[in-house]
């Protein structure tokens, strides 16, 4: 005869076995085992307002505003949506619904420092000739400054702007090639106009005529000045000049004639010079 303790153990094992068999009948995703039967869980977007009884199944209610439930559940409440704090540099990337939470991201010019995006930090400012690009780093997209490649340029200091492509001149002519800090300049090369050429020729002709006229004036003025200077020196320094030796000779008609000396200077008193 079985002992009471062994008998009780056998009964317990049989009961647990029955529970295990019954539990395998339930759909674990959308049902749960209670009161020896499968009771319904609440679908996403709802919560369980009342559990199942022997007489009725579970009762569910829709999540209210600002709340969500993303899984089949037996919870008596919905989860609160995440708040994207603008003071922390966050903005809403995707608003929350009754079945999904709000998705936050860092605002422009900032980036997440971890995979949970709990903290935002400001991008580094890139100077002219450099653009902002994002590179993967341990599962995160981090901004870095990179030199603009040939064909691209950046003429500003920014923590947002990437390098921009040079302009395409198309049918226009390239007036100036682009650099890492300057865009390509396009336009139309216009030939020199006839009016401009005529203006240049007239200007040069007038300038040449003025130069020639001034040259003649300067030459004539220099001769006149030299004569005046010589006269002034003669008056101020008479000793420096050799006086002519004059011989007075009376002619038959009584006129006095002067014989020229060493210098051929004409007297100012109207006397005639006789050759020696």
Protein backbone atom coordinates (compact mmCIF):
# COMPACT_ATOMS: atom_id res chain seq x y z
CA UNK A 1 0.00 0.00 0.00
CA UNK A 2 1.29 3.49 -0.94
CA UNK A 3 2.27 5.80 1.77
CA UNK A 4 0.22 9.05 2.11
CA UNK A 5 3.20 11.23 1.20
CA UNK A 6 3.84 9.34 -2.00
CA UNK A 7 0.17 9.46 -2.89
CA UNK A 8 0.03 13.23 -2.38
CA UNK A 9 3.08 13.68 -4.58
CA UNK A 10 1.46 11.66 -7.35
CA UNK A 11 -1.71 13.76 -7.19
CA UNK A 12 0.28 16.99 -7.35
CA UNK A 13 2.24 15.81 -10.37
CA UNK A 14 -0.97 14.81 -12.10
CA UNK A 15 -2.48 18.25 -11.43
CA UNK A 16 0.58 20.10 -12.74
CA UNK A 17 0.60 17.88 -15.79
CA UNK A 18 -3.01 18.76 -16.50
CA UNK A 19 -2.17 22.47 -16.14
CA UNK A 20 0.76 22.12 -18.52
CA UNK A 21 -1.41 20.40 -21.11
CA UNK A 22 -4.13 23.02 -20.74
CA UNK A 23 -1.56 25.86 -20.94
CA UNK A 24 -0.22 24.52 -24.22
CA UNK A 25 -3.69 24.82 -25.69
CA UNK A 26 -3.69 28.64 -25.16
CA UNK A 27 -2.12 31.03 -27.71
CA UNK A 28 0.58 32.57 -25.54
CA UNK A 29 0.73 35.69 -27.72
CA UNK A 30 -2.93 36.69 -27.33
CA UNK A 31 -4.17 34.50 -24.44
CA UNK A 32 -3.30 33.56 -20.89
CA UNK A 33 -4.34 30.71 -18.62
CA UNK A 34 -6.73 31.45 -15.76
CA UNK A 35 -9.56 29.67 -13.99
CA UNK A 36 -8.74 26.48 -15.88
CA UNK A 37 -9.36 28.15 -19.22
CA UNK A 38 -7.73 30.40 -21.81
CA UNK A 39 -8.53 34.08 -21.27
CA UNK A 40 -7.92 36.82 -23.83
CA UNK A 41 -5.13 39.36 -23.55
CA UNK A 42 -5.73 42.97 -24.67
CA UNK A 43 -4.43 43.90 -28.16
CA UNK A 44 -1.95 46.75 -28.86
CA UNK A 45 -3.50 50.17 -28.30
CA UNK A 46 -5.63 48.90 -25.38
CA UNK A 47 -5.27 47.89 -21.74
CA UNK A 48 -7.16 45.37 -19.56
CA UNK A 49 -9.87 47.11 -17.61
CA UNK A 50 -11.28 43.83 -16.21
CA UNK A 51 -9.83 40.31 -16.03
CA UNK A 52 -11.74 37.28 -17.17
CA UNK A 53 -14.06 35.37 -14.82
CA UNK A 54 -15.79 32.03 -15.05
CA UNK A 55 -18.73 33.80 -16.62
CA UNK A 56 -17.04 36.27 -19.00
CA UNK A 57 -13.81 36.99 -20.87
CA UNK A 58 -11.35 39.81 -20.23
CA UNK A 59 -12.45 43.39 -20.95
CA UNK A 60 -10.19 45.98 -22.66
CA UNK A 61 -10.24 49.76 -23.07
CA UNK A 62 -8.49 51.97 -25.65
CA UNK A 63 -5.49 53.98 -24.56
CA UNK A 64 -6.21 57.64 -23.93
CA UNK A 65 -4.43 60.68 -25.41
CA UNK A 66 -0.68 60.76 -24.76
CA UNK A 67 -0.55 57.02 -23.98
CA UNK A 68 0.21 53.85 -25.92
CA UNK A 69 0.49 50.08 -25.67
CA UNK A 70 2.56 48.34 -28.32
CA UNK A 71 2.08 44.66 -27.29
CA UNK A 72 -0.65 42.18 -26.42
CA UNK A 73 -0.92 42.63 -22.69
CA UNK A 74 -2.70 42.04 -19.40
CA UNK A 75 -1.73 45.41 -17.94
CA UNK A 76 -4.31 47.66 -16.29
CA UNK A 77 -2.92 50.86 -17.87
CA UNK A 78 -1.21 52.24 -20.98
CA UNK A 79 2.32 53.68 -21.13
CA UNK A 80 2.96 57.43 -21.36
CA UNK A 81 4.44 58.84 -24.55
CA UNK A 82 8.04 60.02 -24.37
CA UNK A 83 8.52 63.79 -24.07
CA UNK A 84 11.02 65.44 -26.43
CA UNK A 85 12.50 68.24 -24.32
CA UNK A 86 13.50 71.21 -26.53
CA UNK A 87 15.75 72.56 -23.76
CA UNK A 88 17.82 69.42 -24.16
CA UNK A 89 18.06 69.93 -27.92
CA UNK A 90 15.36 67.40 -28.85
CA UNK A 91 12.61 67.64 -31.45
CA UNK A 92 9.83 65.21 -32.37
CA UNK A 93 10.85 63.01 -35.29
CA UNK A 94 7.65 60.92 -35.26
CA UNK A 95 4.61 61.61 -33.06
CA UNK A 96 3.36 58.82 -30.83
CA UNK A 97 0.15 56.85 -31.43
CA UNK A 98 -1.93 54.48 -29.32
CA UNK A 99 0.30 51.62 -30.50
CA UNK A 100 3.73 53.31 -30.64
CA UNK A 101 5.82 55.66 -28.56
CA UNK A 102 6.99 59.12 -29.68
CA UNK A 103 10.38 59.12 -31.43
CA UNK A 104 12.71 62.00 -30.56
CA UNK A 105 15.81 63.17 -32.36
CA UNK A 106 18.37 65.92 -31.89
CA UNK A 107 17.56 69.20 -33.57
CA UNK A 108 19.58 70.50 -36.53
CA UNK A 109 23.15 71.26 -35.60
CA UNK A 110 23.22 68.66 -32.81
CA UNK A 111 23.73 64.88 -32.59
CA UNK A 112 23.06 61.97 -30.18
CA UNK A 113 26.00 60.84 -28.07
CA UNK A 114 24.60 57.33 -27.37
CA UNK A 115 22.32 54.76 -28.98
CA UNK A 116 19.39 55.64 -26.68
CA UNK A 117 19.74 59.29 -27.72
CA UNK A 118 19.44 60.52 -24.15
CA UNK A 119 21.73 63.55 -24.62
CA UNK A 120 22.31 65.87 -27.59
CA UNK A 121 25.54 67.75 -28.22
CA UNK A 122 26.24 70.58 -30.68
CA UNK A 123 28.08 69.90 -33.93
CA UNK A 124 31.54 71.32 -34.44
CA UNK A 125 31.61 74.48 -36.62
CA UNK A 126 33.36 73.88 -39.97
CA UNK A 127 35.14 76.86 -41.56
CA UNK A 128 35.19 77.89 -45.25
CA UNK A 129 36.55 75.14 -47.48
CA UNK A 130 35.13 72.44 -45.17
CA UNK A 131 31.69 70.83 -45.03
CA UNK A 132 29.72 68.86 -42.42
CA UNK A 133 29.35 65.15 -43.14
CA UNK A 134 28.03 62.33 -40.93
CA UNK A 135 30.06 59.17 -40.37
CA UNK A 136 29.03 55.96 -38.64
CA UNK A 137 30.85 55.47 -35.32
CA UNK A 138 29.87 52.44 -33.20
CA UNK A 139 26.33 52.52 -34.49
CA UNK A 140 25.98 56.29 -34.19
CA UNK A 141 26.03 58.92 -36.92
CA UNK A 142 28.53 61.56 -35.83
CA UNK A 143 29.20 64.89 -37.66
CA UNK A 144 32.77 65.69 -38.73
CA UNK A 145 34.40 68.47 -40.78
CA UNK A 146 35.87 67.33 -44.08
CA UNK A 147 37.79 69.27 -46.75
CA UNK A 148 35.71 69.97 -49.86
CA UNK A 149 36.66 67.71 -52.76
CA UNK A 150 37.52 69.16 -56.21
CA UNK A 151 34.28 70.33 -57.81
CA UNK A 152 32.76 71.32 -54.45
CA UNK A 153 33.03 74.41 -52.25
CA UNK A 154 31.91 75.99 -48.98
CA UNK A 155 32.21 79.74 -48.41
CA UNK A 156 30.64 79.88 -44.92
CA UNK A 157 31.41 78.81 -41.34
CA UNK A 158 28.61 76.44 -40.32
CA UNK A 159 27.80 73.41 -38.18
CA UNK A 160 25.14 72.31 -40.69
CA UNK A 161 26.21 73.06 -44.27
CA UNK A 162 27.87 70.36 -46.37
CA UNK A 163 30.12 71.21 -49.31
CA UNK A 164 28.11 72.35 -52.33
CA UNK A 165 28.76 71.48 -55.95
CA UNK A 166 30.21 74.10 -58.32
CA UNK A 167 27.74 75.74 -60.70
CA UNK A 168 27.34 74.13 -64.12
CA UNK A 169 28.02 76.82 -66.74
CA UNK A 170 26.24 74.87 -69.46
CA UNK A 171 26.06 77.06 -72.57
CA UNK A 172 27.79 79.94 -70.77
CA UNK A 173 31.53 80.46 -70.62
CA UNK A 174 33.60 79.87 -67.50
CA UNK A 175 34.87 83.28 -66.42
CA UNK A 176 36.62 82.09 -63.25
CA UNK A 177 37.37 78.59 -62.01
CA UNK A 178 36.00 77.44 -58.67
CA UNK A 179 38.01 76.59 -55.54
CA UNK A 180 37.30 74.91 -52.20
CA UNK A 181 36.00 78.26 -50.89
CA UNK A 182 34.54 79.82 -54.07
CA UNK A 183 31.97 78.81 -56.66
CA UNK A 184 32.71 78.76 -60.37
CA UNK A 185 31.81 82.02 -62.13
CA UNK A 186 29.95 81.77 -65.42
CA UNK A 187 29.00 84.37 -68.02
CA UNK A 188 29.56 85.70 -71.53
CA UNK A 189 32.86 87.22 -72.68
CA UNK A 190 31.96 90.39 -74.63
CA UNK A 191 34.42 91.65 -77.31
CA UNK A 192 35.65 95.25 -76.97
CA UNK A 193 33.07 97.64 -78.43
CA UNK A 194 33.92 100.04 -81.32
CA UNK A 195 32.80 103.01 -79.26
CA UNK A 196 35.27 102.10 -76.53
CA UNK A 197 38.10 101.64 -79.05
CA UNK A 198 37.40 105.03 -80.68
CA UNK A 199 37.32 106.70 -77.27
CA UNK A 200 40.74 105.28 -76.41
CA UNK A 201 42.24 106.42 -79.74
CA UNK A 202 40.86 109.97 -79.35
CA UNK A 203 42.12 110.18 -75.79
CA UNK A 204 45.63 109.06 -76.75
CA UNK A 205 45.69 111.51 -79.70
CA UNK A 206 44.71 114.46 -77.50
CA UNK A 207 47.28 113.42 -74.89
CA UNK A 208 50.03 113.24 -77.53
CA UNK A 209 49.10 116.69 -78.91
CA UNK A 210 49.24 118.20 -75.41
CA UNK A 211 52.68 116.67 -74.80
CA UNK A 212 54.03 118.08 -78.11
CA UNK A 213 52.57 121.55 -77.40
CA UNK A 214 54.05 121.61 -73.91
CA UNK A 215 57.43 120.58 -75.33
CA UNK A 216 57.47 123.57 -77.77
CA UNK A 217 56.38 125.94 -75.01
CA UNK A 218 59.14 124.69 -72.72
CA UNK A 219 61.79 125.05 -75.46
CA UNK A 220 60.73 128.63 -76.36
CA UNK A 221 60.44 129.58 -72.72
CA UNK A 222 63.93 128.28 -71.99
CA UNK A 223 65.47 130.42 -74.77
CA UNK A 224 63.66 133.51 -73.54
CA UNK A 225 64.70 132.82 -69.97
CA UNK A 226 68.32 132.33 -70.97
CA UNK A 227 68.30 135.72 -72.75
CA UNK A 228 66.74 137.48 -69.75
CA UNK A 229 69.18 135.83 -67.33
CA UNK A 230 72.16 136.92 -69.50
CA UNK A 231 70.87 140.51 -69.55
CA UNK A 232 70.43 140.55 -65.77
CA UNK A 233 73.96 139.20 -65.23
CA UNK A 234 75.36 141.87 -67.58
CA UNK A 235 73.66 144.63 -65.60
CA UNK A 236 74.59 143.29 -62.17
CA UNK A 237 78.16 142.30 -62.97
CA UNK A 238 79.52 144.73 -65.56
CA UNK A 239 83.10 143.95 -64.53
CA UNK A 240 82.73 140.43 -65.76
CA UNK A 241 82.13 141.62 -69.30
CA UNK A 242 84.96 142.74 -71.61
CA UNK A 243 84.34 146.32 -72.72
CA UNK A 244 85.01 146.99 -76.37
CA UNK A 245 87.90 149.33 -77.22
CA UNK A 246 86.52 152.03 -79.40
CA UNK A 247 88.47 154.56 -81.51
CA UNK A 248 86.67 157.69 -82.56
CA UNK A 249 87.47 158.80 -86.07
CA UNK A 250 86.16 161.92 -87.73
CA UNK A 251 85.11 161.60 -91.28
CA UNK A 252 85.25 164.29 -93.93
CA UNK A 253 81.66 165.25 -93.37
CA UNK A 254 82.25 165.59 -89.66
CA UNK A 255 80.53 162.34 -88.48
CA UNK A 256 82.16 160.41 -85.66
CA UNK A 257 82.68 156.74 -86.38
CA UNK A 258 83.61 154.10 -83.80
CA UNK A 259 86.13 151.43 -84.62
CA UNK A 260 85.15 147.93 -83.27
CA UNK A 261 87.38 146.50 -80.59
CA UNK A 262 87.88 142.97 -79.37
CA UNK A 263 84.09 142.21 -79.04
CA UNK A 264 81.48 142.66 -81.72
CA UNK A 265 78.97 144.51 -79.60
CA UNK A 266 76.72 147.11 -81.22
CA UNK A 267 76.65 150.37 -79.25
CA UNK A 268 73.34 151.62 -78.02
CA UNK A 269 74.11 155.33 -78.98
CA UNK A 270 73.73 154.70 -82.71
CA UNK A 271 77.49 155.08 -83.64
CA UNK A 272 78.71 153.07 -86.55
CA UNK A 273 81.37 150.47 -86.14
CA UNK A 274 84.30 150.54 -88.52
CA UNK A 275 86.12 147.43 -89.41
CA UNK A 276 89.74 147.26 -88.21
